[in-house]
Each structure stands twice: as C-alpha cells, then as structure tokens.
Amino acid sequence: MTRGHILLVEDNQSDERLTLRALGKIKVANVIDVVRDGQQALDYLFAEGEFASRAGGPPPVVVLLDLNLPRVSGHDVLIRLRADPRTRLVPVVVLTSSDEDRDRVAAYGCGANSFVRKPVVFEEFADTIGRIGLYWLITNAPP
C-alpha cells in the first residue's frame, strides 16, 4: 500500500485498538499516528506544540477523524484544516458513532471527504475499516 502516515484522531481507546487491529488485518504498511483529542490533531497537522518536530514534513495521506473529541471538536478540526492551504486537500474520513443527520451534514459542510458510522460488531467494524483503507490508500488518486 501507499507509504506515508495515517492520522487517527480517536479519544476512545477501544475504538482506537479496533481501528488499528482492522488496519493491521489488511496489512497496511503506512505508519499510523494516533492523537486523542482535537487540539492534538491540530498540533500534529500544523507541527506545533509536542509535534513541532514535524515541521516541514508531509501531511498525512488520510485523516480518520472522530467528531466527539475533547478540547476541540472534530467539526472545528475540519474547519481549521480546510481554512489552511497546507492542509486544505488532505483527505478526511469522519469515523464516528454518531448516527445523527445533523452531524453528517455538518461534517460535509465543514469539508469532510467521507462520513462513516462505526459499526458496533467487530467483524463489520473491521470490514468497514478495511474498505476505507483500501479506498483511500490504494484506489483513490490523491491531489
């Protein structure tokens, strides 16, 4: 699969483990960086704070973004990403447990490339993550 980093923004450790396990199952060769709140995601993406050493590095090949995050919401992360020319084109997949139409519409309105509801059953979850990985890392032609 395509090299480069995947950024997983997930505050729930169980969902983080399931996502990493599902990506491992399809043998993703990318480095997967995990941050646990919206502010950490912004610091990572803009090489600030604890991620200042990333300055000058390429953006992630895809961001898997939960919406309900501590400190800065997923919607606010999207707004900041799309407002900055350095991150405007980074693909963002909203991966959330929300089934609310308003969250889906708001996510797309803020610039999400995709909105995926996290399945509850592990096999379905793994299959969904696998399809996301294959699409964004293999099928999709990045900008």
Protein backbone atom coordinates (compact mmCIF):
# COMPACT_ATOMS: atom_id res chain seq x y z
CA MET A 1 0.00 0.00 0.00
CA THR A 2 0.96 3.63 -0.37
CA ARG A 3 3.55 4.81 2.17
CA GLY A 4 3.04 7.87 4.29
CA HIS A 5 1.36 8.49 7.58
CA ILE A 6 -2.25 7.94 8.51
CA LEU A 7 -3.53 10.16 11.31
CA LEU A 8 -6.10 8.53 13.57
CA VAL A 9 -7.88 11.06 15.80
CA GLU A 10 -9.71 8.96 18.37
CA ASP A 11 -10.31 9.52 22.08
CA ASN A 12 -11.88 6.12 22.76
CA GLN A 13 -9.12 3.57 23.42
CA SER A 14 -11.35 0.61 22.50
CA ASP A 15 -12.18 2.17 19.12
CA GLU A 16 -8.51 3.01 18.64
CA ARG A 17 -7.50 -0.61 19.25
CA LEU A 18 -10.23 -1.90 16.93
CA THR A 19 -9.20 0.50 14.18
CA LEU A 20 -5.52 -0.39 14.47
CA ARG A 21 -6.36 -4.09 14.53
CA ALA A 22 -8.60 -3.75 11.45
CA LEU A 23 -5.91 -1.83 9.53
CA GLY A 24 -3.36 -4.45 10.54
CA LYS A 25 -5.67 -7.15 9.25
CA ILE A 26 -5.44 -5.70 5.72
CA LYS A 27 -1.67 -5.30 6.14
CA VAL A 28 -1.49 -1.52 5.92
CA ALA A 29 2.17 -0.62 5.53
CA ASN A 30 1.65 3.03 6.45
CA VAL A 31 2.74 4.45 9.77
CA ILE A 32 -0.37 5.14 11.84
CA ASP A 33 -0.07 8.07 14.20
CA VAL A 34 -2.70 8.37 16.93
CA VAL A 35 -3.80 11.50 18.74
CA ARG A 36 -6.57 11.56 21.31
CA ASP A 37 -8.20 14.97 21.05
CA GLY A 38 -8.86 17.76 18.60
CA GLN A 39 -6.10 20.03 19.88
CA GLN A 40 -3.51 17.27 19.49
CA ALA A 41 -4.80 16.72 15.96
CA LEU A 42 -4.29 20.39 15.11
CA ASP A 43 -0.85 20.42 16.74
CA TYR A 44 0.10 17.34 14.69
CA LEU A 45 -1.25 18.71 11.42
CA PHE A 46 0.34 22.14 11.84
CA ALA A 47 3.57 20.91 13.51
CA GLU A 48 3.02 22.84 16.72
CA GLY A 49 3.44 22.07 20.43
CA GLU A 50 4.53 18.49 21.08
CA PHE A 51 4.60 17.89 17.29
CA ALA A 52 6.85 20.83 16.38
CA SER A 53 9.48 18.36 15.16
CA ARG A 54 7.14 17.51 12.25
CA ALA A 55 7.71 20.98 10.73
CA GLY A 56 8.35 20.69 7.02
CA GLY A 57 7.11 17.09 6.91
CA PRO A 58 4.38 15.96 4.54
CA PRO A 59 0.77 15.93 5.67
CA PRO A 60 -0.84 12.55 6.36
CA VAL A 61 -2.18 10.62 3.38
CA VAL A 62 -5.55 10.45 5.16
CA VAL A 63 -7.03 11.55 8.47
CA LEU A 64 -9.51 9.28 10.26
CA LEU A 65 -11.37 11.74 12.46
CA ASP A 66 -13.82 11.15 15.27
CA LEU A 67 -16.30 14.01 15.78
CA ASN A 68 -16.87 13.95 19.52
CA LEU A 69 -13.45 14.87 20.83
CA PRO A 70 -12.17 16.58 23.96
CA ARG A 71 -10.79 20.15 23.82
CA VAL A 72 -11.52 20.82 20.12
CA SER A 73 -14.39 19.12 18.29
CA GLY A 74 -13.95 17.16 15.08
CA HIS A 75 -16.04 19.77 13.26
CA ASP A 76 -13.66 22.52 14.42
CA VAL A 77 -10.66 20.43 13.35
CA LEU A 78 -12.20 20.15 9.88
CA ILE A 79 -12.84 23.88 9.67
CA ARG A 80 -9.21 24.67 10.56
CA LEU A 81 -7.87 22.05 8.11
CA ARG A 82 -9.89 23.39 5.21
CA ALA A 83 -9.00 27.01 6.01
CA ASP A 84 -5.25 26.44 5.66
CA PRO A 85 -3.62 25.94 2.23
CA ARG A 86 -1.15 23.42 3.73
CA THR A 87 -3.93 21.03 4.75
CA ARG A 88 -6.84 22.04 2.54
CA LEU A 89 -6.52 18.97 0.31
CA VAL A 90 -5.74 16.33 2.95
CA PRO A 91 -8.44 13.64 2.73
CA VAL A 92 -10.52 13.42 5.90
CA VAL A 93 -12.76 10.49 6.71
CA VAL A 94 -15.10 11.18 9.61
CA LEU A 95 -15.30 7.93 11.53
CA THR A 96 -17.91 8.31 14.23
CA SER A 97 -20.50 6.51 16.31
CA SER A 98 -22.97 9.32 15.61
CA ASP A 99 -25.98 8.43 13.52
CA GLU A 100 -27.35 11.96 13.56
CA ASP A 101 -28.21 13.55 10.21
CA ARG A 102 -27.12 16.93 11.57
CA ASP A 103 -23.63 15.57 12.34
CA ARG A 104 -23.30 14.09 8.84
CA VAL A 105 -24.50 17.27 7.12
CA ALA A 106 -22.28 19.43 9.36
CA ALA A 107 -19.24 17.22 8.70
CA TYR A 108 -19.67 17.53 4.94
CA GLY A 109 -20.34 21.24 5.35
CA CYS A 110 -17.02 21.58 7.19
CA GLY A 111 -15.15 19.78 4.40
CA ALA A 112 -15.17 16.06 5.19
CA ASN A 113 -14.43 13.81 2.22
CA SER A 114 -16.38 10.92 3.71
CA PHE A 115 -18.67 10.19 6.66
CA VAL A 116 -18.65 6.65 8.06
CA ARG A 117 -20.61 5.40 11.03
CA LYS A 118 -18.63 2.98 13.19
CA PRO A 119 -20.35 -0.41 13.21
CA VAL A 120 -20.86 -1.95 16.64
CA VAL A 121 -19.99 -5.55 15.70
CA PHE A 122 -16.20 -6.09 15.36
CA GLU A 123 -16.39 -8.07 12.10
CA GLU A 124 -18.43 -5.29 10.48
CA PHE A 125 -16.13 -2.67 12.00
CA ALA A 126 -13.03 -4.46 10.64
CA ASP A 127 -14.63 -4.83 7.22
CA THR A 128 -15.58 -1.13 7.12
CA ILE A 129 -12.09 0.00 8.19
CA GLY A 130 -10.57 -2.37 5.62
CA ARG A 131 -12.67 -0.87 2.83
CA ILE A 132 -11.77 2.65 3.97
CA GLY A 133 -8.07 1.73 3.97
CA LEU A 134 -8.19 0.10 0.55
CA TYR A 135 -10.06 3.01 -0.98
CA TRP A 136 -8.05 5.91 0.46
CA LEU A 137 -4.64 4.21 0.30
CA ILE A 138 -4.91 2.22 -2.95
CA THR A 139 -7.88 3.21 -5.14
CA ASN A 140 -8.04 6.96 -4.57
CA ALA A 141 -5.70 9.19 -6.60
CA PRO A 142 -4.54 11.92 -4.18
CA PRO A 143 -4.22 15.56 -5.23
